[in-house]
Protein backbone atom coordinates (compact mmCIF):
# COMPACT_ATOMS: atom_id res chain seq x y z
CA UNK A 1 105.12 87.96 83.52
CA UNK A 2 106.74 91.04 85.02
CA UNK A 3 109.11 90.93 87.95
CA UNK A 4 106.36 92.29 90.21
CA UNK A 5 103.88 89.65 89.03
CA UNK A 6 106.58 87.01 89.55
CA UNK A 7 107.32 88.14 93.10
CA UNK A 8 103.63 88.42 93.97
CA UNK A 9 102.92 84.93 92.58
CA UNK A 10 105.73 83.47 94.69
CA UNK A 11 104.30 85.18 97.77
CA UNK A 12 100.76 83.93 97.07
CA UNK A 13 102.09 80.41 96.60
CA UNK A 14 104.26 80.59 99.71
CA UNK A 15 107.39 79.83 97.70
CA UNK A 16 110.78 81.38 98.29
CA UNK A 17 113.08 81.94 95.35
CA UNK A 18 115.15 78.94 96.49
CA UNK A 19 112.03 76.77 96.77
CA UNK A 20 111.06 77.68 93.21
CA UNK A 21 114.53 76.66 92.01
CA UNK A 22 114.16 73.31 93.82
CA UNK A 23 110.66 72.84 92.37
CA UNK A 24 111.94 73.38 88.83
CA UNK A 25 114.62 70.78 89.53
CA UNK A 26 111.99 68.37 90.91
CA UNK A 27 109.92 68.83 87.75
CA UNK A 28 112.83 67.81 85.53
CA UNK A 29 114.27 71.17 84.62
CA UNK A 30 117.84 72.00 85.49
CA UNK A 31 117.80 73.88 88.77
CA UNK A 32 118.55 77.53 88.05
CA UNK A 33 121.26 79.27 90.03
CA UNK A 34 119.99 81.36 92.95
CA UNK A 35 121.24 84.49 91.19
CA UNK A 36 119.14 83.63 88.14
CA UNK A 37 115.92 83.52 90.16
CA UNK A 38 116.95 86.72 91.94
CA UNK A 39 117.44 88.41 88.55
CA UNK A 40 113.91 87.40 87.53
CA UNK A 41 112.53 88.91 90.74
CA UNK A 42 114.67 92.04 90.39
CA UNK A 43 113.79 92.60 86.75
CA UNK A 44 117.36 92.24 85.55
CA UNK A 45 116.32 89.24 83.44
CA UNK A 46 112.95 88.39 81.93
CA UNK A 47 110.96 85.67 83.64
CA UNK A 48 110.94 82.73 81.20
CA UNK A 49 107.53 82.10 79.68
CA UNK A 50 107.50 78.54 81.04
CA UNK A 51 108.20 79.69 84.59
CA UNK A 52 105.40 82.25 84.41
CA UNK A 53 103.06 79.61 83.03
CA UNK A 54 104.03 77.18 85.80
CA UNK A 55 103.29 79.74 88.51
CA UNK A 56 99.95 80.57 86.91
CA UNK A 57 99.01 76.90 86.73
CA UNK A 58 100.09 76.28 90.32
CA UNK A 59 97.83 79.10 91.48
CA UNK A 60 94.87 77.54 89.66
CA UNK A 61 95.33 74.10 91.18
CA UNK A 62 93.20 73.05 94.13
CA UNK A 63 95.12 73.75 97.35
CA UNK A 64 95.61 70.06 98.18
CA UNK A 65 97.08 69.29 94.76
CA UNK A 66 99.29 72.39 94.85
CA UNK A 67 100.63 71.37 98.28
CA UNK A 68 101.39 67.88 96.98
CA UNK A 69 103.33 69.30 94.01
CA UNK A 70 105.33 71.82 96.05
CA UNK A 71 105.80 69.80 99.26
CA UNK A 72 109.30 68.47 98.49
CA UNK A 73 110.61 71.87 97.34
CA UNK A 74 109.32 73.54 100.50
CA UNK A 75 110.98 71.05 102.88
CA UNK A 76 114.58 71.95 102.14
């Protein structure tokens, strides 16, 4: 996933970079530092394959299920 694809996926999902970091933490991954997520969006670091796969899967979920999965991360 390129940095543009990453940024566009976040926008389509309604997730900020901080919300994505919280979501990864909620899903059992160590929450990445805000600068790490910014580097993915800026192209300074490659988007990890698992993060790209997660965003792709989230986009394919029915809206109700996607909202349930992301609800906690979006509240903060």
